[in-house]
Amino acid sequence: MRELRHDNLILFSEDPENTHIGRLVAKQMLALDYKYADVARRGGFNDGNNVIMIVSGRRRDPYFSSIVKLSKALDLKLEKFVEEK
């Protein structure tokens, strides 16, 4: 799998058009210095493509099981994935 550049994570973490989950995951990946493959491996995803789709906002409504995997991989509580309005 080709890794997206670190700059893209910064963009995804700050883009107001991105989903809340995409921004949250991108910020945590930056904080932990994780690559997409790291998150995929730690979370139990088959590969990093699903992670890329979620972080970039192309998957706007991920499955709950994917959110649980991201929570595990990034050591985040599930409550963090709920957008506060």
Foldseek 3Di string as FASTA:
>chain_A
DDWDDLVVLVVLLPDPVAELQLNVLSVLCVVVVHTLQQLCVQLVHPGSPVVVCNNNRVPVDDDPSVLNSNCRSSVHDSVSNDDDD
